[in-house]
Amino acid sequence: MLSISRNFIDSPAGLPARIAISLMQASGQAALVERWSRDLGIPTLKVEWLREVSKQPKTLFILGSGESVEDLSAAEWSIVRQNFSIGINAWPLHPFVPDVLAFEPFNEASTDYLQLFEKVLTEKRFYRKKPKILLFRPKSERDGARYLLLPEYLKVNARIYGRYVPISRNLRTLEGEIVAIDALQRRRLVADSLVLDSGASVIRMVSLGMRLGFADIVLLGVDLNGGQYFWEKNTTRVSDRGLTSFSPGFSRPLHQTMSREDKPFIVTEILNTLQRILQTKNRSLFAGSANSRLASDLPVWDWSQFETNRR
């Protein structure tokens, strides 16, 4: 009986049921975000808060920890600087300060992430630019306590956010569900503090970029190859921060978001779905490097065409 129910839910006819379940779960997630907001004294995310600083650029660069970011030239970093950028998790190890830094609860096996909040983020470059901070809602009191280690001048620019997760387990019905939930969110039937997720920071940030209306979203250092992190390829990224080492707390031959171990879709399947949605609006999602695993799924961003690309 459960199998029949699941088959119906994943069918095209099951969309109303999926939406109803999504709304119920989103309501619970929004309440969880509100609770953490009160406990930590940090406001919840409102998309307009970000739209105020991102309304001019047409391109969003999402900065991951993959080694390919070390291949970017000074001219290419200048292009990133002229647009809007979000750095994910360990990004503060890199000298480039983006417009937004996004953090999720730290791996319990890693104490090194504490160095980001207690040491790296106290550097003058962050005080000068004062990037906005996105904090994915904590999973535990320990996570909340770690978030509160943020320097005060960054904490005042911080917002707590949560997620909604697709109900569908079928790729053929996933796209319609995401479009339907997005429409409900624009009508304020889904909390503004929630973004689409499927077990990956990059999905959450792409979802946010789509809501902000960027024409192009470029994934830099989102390699998914299971290769080195940028601070392993260039060890000065650690030593220049006054650190002796940095580890995320785990080591995998393949990026964890490419595993189906605890989720129905791998990250490339979700990104391909989001790309199809973007293309219906004459917008696009790009891999930032031809060497990225993503280059086989998404078009590769052409830096040389930037000046004429939707400007």
C-alpha atoms as a PDB file:
ATOM      1  CA  MET A   1       0.000   0.000   0.000  1.00  0.00           C
ATOM      2  CA  LEU A   2       2.842   2.363   0.862  1.00  0.00           C
ATOM      3  CA  SER A   3       4.434   1.627  -2.540  1.00  0.00           C
ATOM      4  CA  ILE A   4       1.195   2.525  -4.345  1.00  0.00           C
ATOM      5  CA  SER A   5       0.913   5.756  -2.351  1.00  0.00           C
ATOM      6  CA  ARG A   6       4.490   6.688  -3.145  1.00  0.00           C
ATOM      7  CA  ASN A   7       3.964   5.937  -6.836  1.00  0.00           C
ATOM      8  CA  PHE A   8       0.909   8.189  -6.884  1.00  0.00           C
ATOM      9  CA  ILE A   9       2.709  11.009  -5.094  1.00  0.00           C
ATOM     10  CA  ASP A  10       5.540  10.857  -7.633  1.00  0.00           C
ATOM     11  CA  SER A  11       3.188  10.888 -10.612  1.00  0.00           C
ATOM     12  CA  PRO A  12       2.040  14.008 -12.494  1.00  0.00           C
ATOM     13  CA  ALA A  13      -1.400  13.560 -10.924  1.00  0.00           C
ATOM     14  CA  GLY A  14       0.205  13.644  -7.484  1.00  0.00           C
ATOM     15  CA  LEU A  15       1.302  17.293  -7.755  1.00  0.00           C
ATOM     16  CA  PRO A  16      -1.496  18.649  -5.502  1.00  0.00           C
ATOM     17  CA  ALA A  17      -0.569  16.079  -2.855  1.00  0.00           C
ATOM     18  CA  ARG A  18       3.114  17.018  -3.101  1.00  0.00           C
ATOM     19  CA  ILE A  19       2.266  20.701  -2.797  1.00  0.00           C
ATOM     20  CA  ALA A  20       0.090  20.084   0.251  1.00  0.00           C
ATOM     21  CA  ILE A  21       2.872  18.087   1.944  1.00  0.00           C
ATOM     22  CA  SER A  22       5.442  20.747   0.979  1.00  0.00           C
ATOM     23  CA  LEU A  23       3.350  23.534   2.499  1.00  0.00           C
ATOM     24  CA  MET A  24       2.957  21.604   5.731  1.00  0.00           C
ATOM     25  CA  GLN A  25       6.675  20.843   5.970  1.00  0.00           C
ATOM     26  CA  ALA A  26       7.636  24.406   4.955  1.00  0.00           C
ATOM     27  CA  SER A  27       5.465  25.754   7.765  1.00  0.00           C
ATOM     28  CA  GLY A  28       7.371  23.604  10.256  1.00  0.00           C
ATOM     29  CA  GLN A  29      10.719  24.675   8.833  1.00  0.00           C
ATOM     30  CA  ALA A  30       9.740  28.352   8.983  1.00  0.00           C
ATOM     31  CA  ALA A  31       8.768  27.947  12.642  1.00  0.00           C
ATOM     32  CA  LEU A  32      12.167  26.352  13.306  1.00  0.00           C
ATOM     33  CA  VAL A  33      13.942  29.294  11.649  1.00  0.00           C
ATOM     34  CA  GLU A  34      11.894  31.745  13.731  1.00  0.00           C
ATOM     35  CA  ARG A  35      12.797  29.878  16.916  1.00  0.00           C
ATOM     36  CA  TRP A  36      16.509  30.004  16.181  1.00  0.00           C
ATOM     37  CA  SER A  37      16.179  33.656  15.207  1.00  0.00           C
ATOM     38  CA  ARG A  38      14.755  34.436  18.645  1.00  0.00           C
ATOM     39  CA  ASP A  39      17.293  32.282  20.484  1.00  0.00           C
ATOM     40  CA  LEU A  40      20.305  33.793  18.694  1.00  0.00           C
ATOM     41  CA  GLY A  41      18.995  37.341  18.346  1.00  0.00           C
ATOM     42  CA  ILE A  42      19.642  37.222  14.579  1.00  0.00           C
ATOM     43  CA  PRO A  43      16.832  38.211  12.148  1.00  0.00           C
ATOM     44  CA  THR A  44      15.416  35.798   9.588  1.00  0.00           C
ATOM     45  CA  LEU A  45      16.218  36.165   5.898  1.00  0.00           C
ATOM     46  CA  LYS A  46      14.071  38.499   3.800  1.00  0.00           C
ATOM     47  CA  VAL A  47      14.974  38.389   0.109  1.00  0.00           C
ATOM     48  CA  GLU A  48      14.449  42.148  -0.246  1.00  0.00           C
ATOM     49  CA  TRP A  49      17.312  42.609   2.223  1.00  0.00           C
ATOM     50  CA  LEU A  50      19.638  41.084  -0.373  1.00  0.00           C
ATOM     51  CA  ARG A  51      17.902  42.535  -3.412  1.00  0.00           C
ATOM     52  CA  GLU A  52      18.823  46.038  -2.276  1.00  0.00           C
ATOM     53  CA  VAL A  53      22.536  45.310  -2.771  1.00  0.00           C
ATOM     54  CA  SER A  54      22.247  42.996  -5.774  1.00  0.00           C
ATOM     55  CA  LYS A  55      19.889  44.913  -8.065  1.00  0.00           C
ATOM     56  CA  GLN A  56      22.547  46.364 -10.376  1.00  0.00           C
ATOM     57  CA  PRO A  57      24.722  43.369 -11.439  1.00  0.00           C
ATOM     58  CA  LYS A  58      23.301  40.876 -13.929  1.00  0.00           C
ATOM     59  CA  THR A  59      25.595  38.023 -12.902  1.00  0.00           C
ATOM     60  CA  LEU A  60      25.890  36.085  -9.663  1.00  0.00           C
ATOM     61  CA  PHE A  61      29.092  34.186  -8.931  1.00  0.00           C
ATOM     62  CA  ILE A  62      28.780  31.402  -6.345  1.00  0.00           C
ATOM     63  CA  LEU A  63      32.179  30.589  -4.853  1.00  0.00           C
ATOM     64  CA  GLY A  64      32.863  27.033  -3.709  1.00  0.00           C
ATOM     65  CA  SER A  65      35.950  25.379  -2.259  1.00  0.00           C
ATOM     66  CA  GLY A  66      37.150  23.441  -5.309  1.00  0.00           C
ATOM     67  CA  GLU A  67      40.687  23.753  -6.634  1.00  0.00           C
ATOM     68  CA  SER A  68      39.609  25.302  -9.952  1.00  0.00           C
ATOM     69  CA  VAL A  69      39.276  28.756  -8.343  1.00  0.00           C
ATOM     70  CA  GLU A  70      43.076  28.824  -8.212  1.00  0.00           C
ATOM     71  CA  ASP A  71      43.145  28.908 -12.018  1.00  0.00           C
ATOM     72  CA  LEU A  72      41.348  32.267 -12.252  1.00  0.00           C
ATOM     73  CA  SER A  73      43.349  35.229 -13.506  1.00  0.00           C
ATOM     74  CA  ALA A  74      43.447  38.710 -11.972  1.00  0.00           C
ATOM     75  CA  ALA A  75      41.284  39.961 -14.855  1.00  0.00           C
ATOM     76  CA  GLU A  76      38.685  37.286 -14.153  1.00  0.00           C
ATOM     77  CA  TRP A  77      38.624  38.159 -10.455  1.00  0.00           C
ATOM     78  CA  SER A  78      38.065  41.754 -11.516  1.00  0.00           C
ATOM     79  CA  ILE A  79      34.924  40.616 -13.359  1.00  0.00           C
ATOM     80  CA  VAL A  80      33.718  38.778 -10.262  1.00  0.00           C
ATOM     81  CA  ARG A  81      34.324  41.927  -8.215  1.00  0.00           C
ATOM     82  CA  GLN A  82      32.212  44.007 -10.623  1.00  0.00           C
ATOM     83  CA  ASN A  83      29.247  41.683 -10.135  1.00  0.00           C
ATOM     84  CA  PHE A  84      27.605  39.972  -7.158  1.00  0.00           C
ATOM     85  CA  SER A  85      29.190  37.055  -5.301  1.00  0.00           C
ATOM     86  CA  ILE A  86      28.416  34.567  -2.538  1.00  0.00           C
ATOM     87  CA  GLY A  87      31.203  32.585  -0.860  1.00  0.00           C
ATOM     88  CA  ILE A  88      30.259  29.272   0.747  1.00  0.00           C
ATOM     89  CA  ASN A  89      31.508  27.814   4.064  1.00  0.00           C
ATOM     90  CA  ALA A  90      35.346  27.789   4.040  1.00  0.00           C
ATOM     91  CA  TRP A  91      35.531  30.634   1.522  1.00  0.00           C
ATOM     92  CA  PRO A  92      37.038  33.156   4.031  1.00  0.00           C
ATOM     93  CA  LEU A  93      40.354  31.310   3.601  1.00  0.00           C
ATOM     94  CA  HIS A  94      40.546  32.879   0.130  1.00  0.00           C
ATOM     95  CA  PRO A  95      41.751  36.513  -0.093  1.00  0.00           C
ATOM     96  CA  PHE A  96      38.762  37.613  -2.198  1.00  0.00           C
ATOM     97  CA  VAL A  97      35.969  39.039  -0.033  1.00  0.00           C
ATOM     98  CA  PRO A  98      32.551  38.441  -1.655  1.00  0.00           C
ATOM     99  CA  ASP A  99      29.337  40.394  -1.123  1.00  0.00           C
ATOM    100  CA  VAL A 100      27.836  37.553   0.934  1.00  0.00           C
ATOM    101  CA  LEU A 101      29.296  34.737   3.024  1.00  0.00           C
ATOM    102  CA  ALA A 102      27.048  31.717   3.547  1.00  0.00           C
ATOM    103  CA  PHE A 103      27.675  29.211   6.333  1.00  0.00           C
ATOM    104  CA  GLU A 104      25.983  25.973   7.303  1.00  0.00           C
ATOM    105  CA  PRO A 105      26.389  24.031  10.573  1.00  0.00           C
ATOM    106  CA  PHE A 106      29.941  22.774  10.835  1.00  0.00           C
ATOM    107  CA  ASN A 107      30.888  19.124  10.548  1.00  0.00           C
ATOM    108  CA  GLU A 108      30.978  17.809  14.106  1.00  0.00           C
ATOM    109  CA  ALA A 109      34.357  16.168  13.442  1.00  0.00           C
ATOM    110  CA  SER A 110      35.967  19.490  12.536  1.00  0.00           C
ATOM    111  CA  THR A 111      37.160  22.062  15.042  1.00  0.00           C
ATOM    112  CA  ASP A 112      39.007  23.888  12.275  1.00  0.00           C
ATOM    113  CA  TYR A 113      35.880  25.740  11.150  1.00  0.00           C
ATOM    114  CA  LEU A 114      35.956  27.543  14.485  1.00  0.00           C
ATOM    115  CA  GLN A 115      39.132  29.229  13.254  1.00  0.00           C
ATOM    116  CA  LEU A 116      37.080  30.956  10.552  1.00  0.00           C
ATOM    117  CA  PHE A 117      34.856  32.685  13.110  1.00  0.00           C
ATOM    118  CA  GLU A 118      37.388  33.223  15.876  1.00  0.00           C
ATOM    119  CA  LYS A 119      40.408  34.271  13.787  1.00  0.00           C
ATOM    120  CA  VAL A 120      39.978  34.631  10.005  1.00  0.00           C
ATOM    121  CA  LEU A 121      36.807  36.742  10.043  1.00  0.00           C
ATOM    122  CA  THR A 122      38.433  39.243  12.406  1.00  0.00           C
ATOM    123  CA  GLU A 123      40.818  40.342   9.623  1.00  0.00           C
ATOM    124  CA  LYS A 124      40.518  43.976   8.551  1.00  0.00           C
ATOM    125  CA  ARG A 125      39.411  43.064   5.027  1.00  0.00           C
ATOM    126  CA  PHE A 126      36.101  41.780   6.416  1.00  0.00           C
ATOM    127  CA  TYR A 127      35.683  44.815   8.648  1.00  0.00           C
ATOM    128  CA  ARG A 128      36.227  47.103   5.638  1.00  0.00           C
ATOM    129  CA  LYS A 129      33.753  45.363   3.305  1.00  0.00           C
ATOM    130  CA  LYS A 130      31.341  44.010   5.928  1.00  0.00           C
ATOM    131  CA  PRO A 131      29.837  41.268   3.746  1.00  0.00           C
ATOM    132  CA  LYS A 132      26.329  40.123   4.499  1.00  0.00           C
ATOM    133  CA  ILE A 133      26.155  36.778   6.311  1.00  0.00           C
ATOM    134  CA  LEU A 134      23.722  33.924   5.650  1.00  0.00           C
ATOM    135  CA  LEU A 135      23.469  31.284   8.375  1.00  0.00           C
ATOM    136  CA  PHE A 136      21.641  28.060   7.600  1.00  0.00           C
ATOM    137  CA  ARG A 137      19.524  27.317  10.646  1.00  0.00           C
ATOM    138  CA  PRO A 138      21.403  25.391  13.351  1.00  0.00           C
ATOM    139  CA  LYS A 139      20.837  21.726  14.015  1.00  0.00           C
ATOM    140  CA  SER A 140      21.894  21.911  17.648  1.00  0.00           C
ATOM    141  CA  GLU A 141      22.686  24.286  20.496  1.00  0.00           C
ATOM    142  CA  ARG A 142      26.351  23.734  19.672  1.00  0.00           C
ATOM    143  CA  ASP A 143      25.776  25.016  16.141  1.00  0.00           C
ATOM    144  CA  GLY A 144      24.054  28.094  17.514  1.00  0.00           C
ATOM    145  CA  ALA A 145      26.899  28.770  19.931  1.00  0.00           C
ATOM    146  CA  ARG A 146      29.397  28.542  17.065  1.00  0.00           C
ATOM    147  CA  TYR A 147      27.414  31.039  15.000  1.00  0.00           C
ATOM    148  CA  LEU A 148      27.534  33.493  17.899  1.00  0.00           C
ATOM    149  CA  LEU A 149      31.328  33.525  17.615  1.00  0.00           C
ATOM    150  CA  LEU A 150      30.921  35.810  14.589  1.00  0.00           C
ATOM    151  CA  PRO A 151      32.590  39.209  15.080  1.00  0.00           C
ATOM    152  CA  GLU A 152      29.952  41.756  16.089  1.00  0.00           C
ATOM    153  CA  TYR A 153      30.444  43.870  12.947  1.00  0.00           C
ATOM    154  CA  LEU A 154      29.452  40.830  10.865  1.00  0.00           C
ATOM    155  CA  LYS A 155      26.744  39.555  13.192  1.00  0.00           C
ATOM    156  CA  VAL A 156      24.707  42.730  12.641  1.00  0.00           C
ATOM    157  CA  ASN A 157      24.730  41.873   8.917  1.00  0.00           C
ATOM    158  CA  ALA A 158      23.689  38.249   9.515  1.00  0.00           C
ATOM    159  CA  ARG A 159      20.390  36.520   8.744  1.00  0.00           C
ATOM    160  CA  ILE A 160      19.094  33.039   9.591  1.00  0.00           C
ATOM    161  CA  TYR A 161      17.441  31.011   6.838  1.00  0.00           C
ATOM    162  CA  GLY A 162      16.023  27.524   6.318  1.00  0.00           C
ATOM    163  CA  ARG A 163      14.964  25.236   3.530  1.00  0.00           C
ATOM    164  CA  TYR A 164      12.172  23.388   1.831  1.00  0.00           C
ATOM    165  CA  VAL A 165      12.945  20.018   0.251  1.00  0.00           C
ATOM    166  CA  PRO A 166      11.128  18.640  -2.814  1.00  0.00           C
ATOM    167  CA  ILE A 167       8.678  15.851  -2.052  1.00  0.00           C
ATOM    168  CA  SER A 168       9.065  14.220  -5.472  1.00  0.00           C
ATOM    169  CA  ARG A 169      11.386  11.248  -5.878  1.00  0.00           C
ATOM    170  CA  ASN A 170      10.944  11.248  -9.634  1.00  0.00           C
ATOM    171  CA  LEU A 171      13.003  13.525 -11.893  1.00  0.00           C
ATOM    172  CA  ARG A 172      10.149  13.734 -14.388  1.00  0.00           C
ATOM    173  CA  THR A 173       7.914  15.497 -11.852  1.00  0.00           C
ATOM    174  CA  LEU A 174      10.589  17.445  -9.960  1.00  0.00           C
ATOM    175  CA  GLU A 175      10.623  20.483 -12.246  1.00  0.00           C
ATOM    176  CA  GLY A 176       6.872  21.099 -12.030  1.00  0.00           C
ATOM    177  CA  GLU A 177       6.972  20.852  -8.246  1.00  0.00           C
ATOM    178  CA  ILE A 178       9.806  23.383  -7.921  1.00  0.00           C
ATOM    179  CA  VAL A 179       8.018  25.832 -10.232  1.00  0.00           C
ATOM    180  CA  ALA A 180       4.766  25.435  -8.282  1.00  0.00           C
ATOM    181  CA  ILE A 181       6.421  26.010  -4.885  1.00  0.00           C
ATOM    182  CA  ASP A 182       8.258  29.048  -6.255  1.00  0.00           C
ATOM    183  CA  ALA A 183       4.938  30.515  -7.405  1.00  0.00           C
ATOM    184  CA  LEU A 184       3.454  29.955  -3.954  1.00  0.00           C
ATOM    185  CA  GLN A 185       6.456  31.599  -2.327  1.00  0.00           C
ATOM    186  CA  ARG A 186       6.057  34.664  -4.530  1.00  0.00           C
ATOM    187  CA  ARG A 187       2.470  34.839  -3.265  1.00  0.00           C
ATOM    188  CA  ARG A 188       3.881  34.664   0.300  1.00  0.00           C
ATOM    189  CA  LEU A 189       2.324  31.267   0.991  1.00  0.00           C
ATOM    190  CA  VAL A 190       5.807  29.887   1.700  1.00  0.00           C
ATOM    191  CA  ALA A 191       8.025  31.798   4.138  1.00  0.00           C
ATOM    192  CA  ASP A 192      10.577  34.161   2.612  1.00  0.00           C
ATOM    193  CA  SER A 193      13.206  32.699   4.935  1.00  0.00           C
ATOM    194  CA  LEU A 194      13.183  29.330   3.123  1.00  0.00           C
ATOM    195  CA  VAL A 195      15.099  28.335  -0.007  1.00  0.00           C
ATOM    196  CA  LEU A 196      15.106  25.164  -2.093  1.00  0.00           C
ATOM    197  CA  ASP A 197      17.494  22.490  -0.869  1.00  0.00           C
ATOM    198  CA  SER A 198      18.444  18.921  -1.598  1.00  0.00           C
ATOM    199  CA  GLY A 199      21.428  18.393   0.682  1.00  0.00           C
ATOM    200  CA  ALA A 200      23.864  20.920  -0.813  1.00  0.00           C
ATOM    201  CA  SER A 201      24.838  24.516  -0.033  1.00  0.00           C
ATOM    202  CA  VAL A 202      25.226  25.236  -3.737  1.00  0.00           C
ATOM    203  CA  ILE A 203      21.583  24.289  -4.408  1.00  0.00           C
ATOM    204  CA  ARG A 204      20.425  26.680  -1.705  1.00  0.00           C
ATOM    205  CA  MET A 205      22.507  29.534  -3.129  1.00  0.00           C
ATOM    206  CA  VAL A 206      21.413  28.888  -6.733  1.00  0.00           C
ATOM    207  CA  SER A 207      17.799  28.853  -5.541  1.00  0.00           C
ATOM    208  CA  LEU A 208      18.361  32.175  -3.793  1.00  0.00           C
ATOM    209  CA  GLY A 209      20.016  33.619  -6.897  1.00  0.00           C
ATOM    210  CA  MET A 210      17.009  32.600  -8.972  1.00  0.00           C
ATOM    211  CA  ARG A 211      14.670  34.393  -6.574  1.00  0.00           C
ATOM    212  CA  LEU A 212      16.859  37.493  -6.776  1.00  0.00           C
ATOM    213  CA  GLY A 213      16.412  37.461 -10.555  1.00  0.00           C
ATOM    214  CA  PHE A 214      20.005  37.177 -11.792  1.00  0.00           C
ATOM    215  CA  ALA A 215      20.286  36.668 -15.549  1.00  0.00           C
ATOM    216  CA  ASP A 216      23.336  34.427 -15.179  1.00  0.00           C
ATOM    217  CA  ILE A 217      24.516  32.331 -12.239  1.00  0.00           C
ATOM    218  CA  VAL A 218      28.105  31.069 -12.451  1.00  0.00           C
ATOM    219  CA  LEU A 219      29.469  28.310 -10.208  1.00  0.00           C
ATOM    220  CA  LEU A 220      33.158  28.865  -9.426  1.00  0.00           C
ATOM    221  CA  GLY A 221      35.034  26.197  -7.474  1.00  0.00           C
ATOM    222  CA  VAL A 222      31.980  23.923  -7.517  1.00  0.00           C
ATOM    223  CA  ASP A 223      33.991  21.138  -9.090  1.00  0.00           C
ATOM    224  CA  LEU A 224      32.346  17.968  -7.702  1.00  0.00           C
ATOM    225  CA  ASN A 225      35.371  15.986  -8.887  1.00  0.00           C
ATOM    226  CA  GLY A 226      36.463  14.760  -5.496  1.00  0.00           C
ATOM    227  CA  GLY A 227      39.759  16.621  -6.074  1.00  0.00           C
ATOM    228  CA  GLN A 228      41.597  19.057  -3.851  1.00  0.00           C
ATOM    229  CA  TYR A 229      40.192  22.031  -2.020  1.00  0.00           C
ATOM    230  CA  PHE A 230      41.637  25.376  -3.139  1.00  0.00           C
ATOM    231  CA  TRP A 231      43.631  25.695   0.103  1.00  0.00           C
ATOM    232  CA  GLU A 232      45.197  22.276  -0.532  1.00  0.00           C
ATOM    233  CA  LYS A 233      46.215  23.235  -4.070  1.00  0.00           C
ATOM    234  CA  ASN A 234      47.594  26.550  -2.810  1.00  0.00           C
ATOM    235  CA  THR A 235      48.737  26.100   0.796  1.00  0.00           C
ATOM    236  CA  THR A 236      49.435  29.820   1.199  1.00  0.00           C
ATOM    237  CA  ARG A 237      45.671  30.257   1.529  1.00  0.00           C
ATOM    238  CA  VAL A 238      46.039  28.680   4.981  1.00  0.00           C
ATOM    239  CA  SER A 239      49.395  30.096   6.026  1.00  0.00           C
ATOM    240  CA  ASP A 240      48.442  33.631   4.936  1.00  0.00           C
ATOM    241  CA  ARG A 241      45.554  33.453   7.379  1.00  0.00           C
ATOM    242  CA  GLY A 242      47.963  32.670  10.206  1.00  0.00           C
ATOM    243  CA  LEU A 243      46.789  29.054  10.397  1.00  0.00           C
ATOM    244  CA  THR A 244      48.897  25.900  10.388  1.00  0.00           C
ATOM    245  CA  SER A 245      46.231  23.634   8.876  1.00  0.00           C
ATOM    246  CA  PHE A 246      42.590  23.470   7.868  1.00  0.00           C
ATOM    247  CA  SER A 247      40.344  20.439   7.444  1.00  0.00           C
ATOM    248  CA  PRO A 248      36.575  20.184   6.885  1.00  0.00           C
ATOM    249  CA  GLY A 249      36.554  17.066   9.058  1.00  0.00           C
ATOM    250  CA  PHE A 250      36.158  14.445   6.356  1.00  0.00           C
ATOM    251  CA  SER A 251      37.812  13.121   3.206  1.00  0.00           C
ATOM    252  CA  ARG A 252      35.909  11.538   0.325  1.00  0.00           C
ATOM    253  CA  PRO A 253      37.083  10.341  -3.112  1.00  0.00           C
ATOM    254  CA  LEU A 254      33.890  11.834  -4.610  1.00  0.00           C
ATOM    255  CA  HIS A 255      32.117  14.969  -3.478  1.00  0.00           C
ATOM    256  CA  GLN A 256      29.415  14.073  -0.935  1.00  0.00           C
ATOM    257  CA  THR A 257      26.693  15.829  -2.926  1.00  0.00           C
ATOM    258  CA  MET A 258      27.284  13.288  -5.721  1.00  0.00           C
ATOM    259  CA  SER A 259      26.205  10.421  -3.463  1.00  0.00           C
ATOM    260  CA  ARG A 260      22.626   9.092  -3.226  1.00  0.00           C
ATOM    261  CA  GLU A 261      23.328   7.669   0.195  1.00  0.00           C
ATOM    262  CA  ASP A 262      20.834   9.900   2.025  1.00  0.00           C
ATOM    263  CA  LYS A 263      18.897  11.695  -0.741  1.00  0.00           C
ATOM    264  CA  PRO A 264      16.938  10.823  -3.898  1.00  0.00           C
ATOM    265  CA  PHE A 265      18.805  13.128  -6.292  1.00  0.00           C
ATOM    266  CA  ILE A 266      22.484  13.953  -6.725  1.00  0.00           C
ATOM    267  CA  VAL A 267      23.399  17.614  -7.006  1.00  0.00           C
ATOM    268  CA  THR A 268      23.902  17.550 -10.802  1.00  0.00           C
ATOM    269  CA  GLU A 269      20.339  16.313 -11.313  1.00  0.00           C
ATOM    270  CA  ILE A 270      18.962  19.198  -9.261  1.00  0.00           C
ATOM    271  CA  LEU A 271      21.210  21.708 -11.042  1.00  0.00           C
ATOM    272  CA  ASN A 272      20.107  20.401 -14.447  1.00  0.00           C
ATOM    273  CA  THR A 273      16.485  20.828 -13.369  1.00  0.00           C
ATOM    274  CA  LEU A 274      17.139  24.398 -12.202  1.00  0.00           C
ATOM    275  CA  GLN A 275      18.913  25.097 -15.487  1.00  0.00           C
ATOM    276  CA  ARG A 276      15.830  24.045 -17.456  1.00  0.00           C
ATOM    277  CA  ILE A 277      13.679  26.344 -15.329  1.00  0.00           C
ATOM    278  CA  LEU A 278      16.093  29.256 -15.845  1.00  0.00           C
ATOM    279  CA  GLN A 279      16.223  28.710 -19.605  1.00  0.00           C
ATOM    280  CA  THR A 280      12.450  29.156 -19.885  1.00  0.00           C
ATOM    281  CA  LYS A 281      13.089  32.724 -18.687  1.00  0.00           C
ATOM    282  CA  ASN A 282      16.099  33.374 -20.954  1.00  0.00           C
ATOM    283  CA  ARG A 283      18.435  32.988 -17.984  1.00  0.00           C
ATOM    284  CA  SER A 284      21.164  30.433 -17.401  1.00  0.00           C
ATOM    285  CA  LEU A 285      23.338  28.514 -14.962  1.00  0.00           C
ATOM    286  CA  PHE A 286      27.011  28.019 -15.828  1.00  0.00           C
ATOM    287  CA  ALA A 287      29.971  25.923 -14.737  1.00  0.00           C
ATOM    288  CA  GLY A 288      32.891  28.241 -14.080  1.00  0.00           C
ATOM    289  CA  SER A 289      35.582  25.833 -15.270  1.00  0.00           C
ATOM    290  CA  ALA A 290      35.909  23.417 -18.183  1.00  0.00           C
ATOM    291  CA  ASN A 291      37.747  21.106 -15.763  1.00  0.00           C
ATOM    292  CA  SER A 292      34.770  20.864 -13.440  1.00  0.00           C
ATOM    293  CA  ARG A 293      32.598  17.749 -13.334  1.00  0.00           C
ATOM    294  CA  LEU A 294      29.757  20.201 -13.921  1.00  0.00           C
ATOM    295  CA  ALA A 295      31.107  21.078 -17.370  1.00  0.00           C
ATOM    296  CA  SER A 296      29.494  17.901 -18.712  1.00  0.00           C
ATOM    297  CA  ASP A 297      26.088  19.047 -17.426  1.00  0.00           C
ATOM    298  CA  LEU A 298      26.086  22.833 -17.741  1.00  0.00           C
ATOM    299  CA  PRO A 299      27.446  25.327 -20.284  1.00  0.00           C
ATOM    300  CA  VAL A 300      30.879  26.674 -19.355  1.00  0.00           C
ATOM    301  CA  TRP A 301      31.057  30.390 -18.599  1.00  0.00           C
ATOM    302  CA  ASP A 302      32.897  32.313 -21.314  1.00  0.00           C
ATOM    303  CA  TRP A 303      34.894  35.062 -19.610  1.00  0.00           C
ATOM    304  CA  SER A 304      35.900  36.625 -22.922  1.00  0.00           C
ATOM    305  CA  GLN A 305      32.263  37.328 -23.803  1.00  0.00           C
ATOM    306  CA  PHE A 306      31.449  39.040 -20.521  1.00  0.00           C
ATOM    307  CA  GLU A 307      31.306  42.569 -21.914  1.00  0.00           C
ATOM    308  CA  THR A 308      28.590  41.654 -24.405  1.00  0.00           C
ATOM    309  CA  ASN A 309      26.824  39.064 -22.257  1.00  0.00           C
ATOM    310  CA  ARG A 310      23.465  40.601 -21.214  1.00  0.00           C
ATOM    311  CA  ARG A 311      25.092  43.919 -20.311  1.00  0.00           C
END
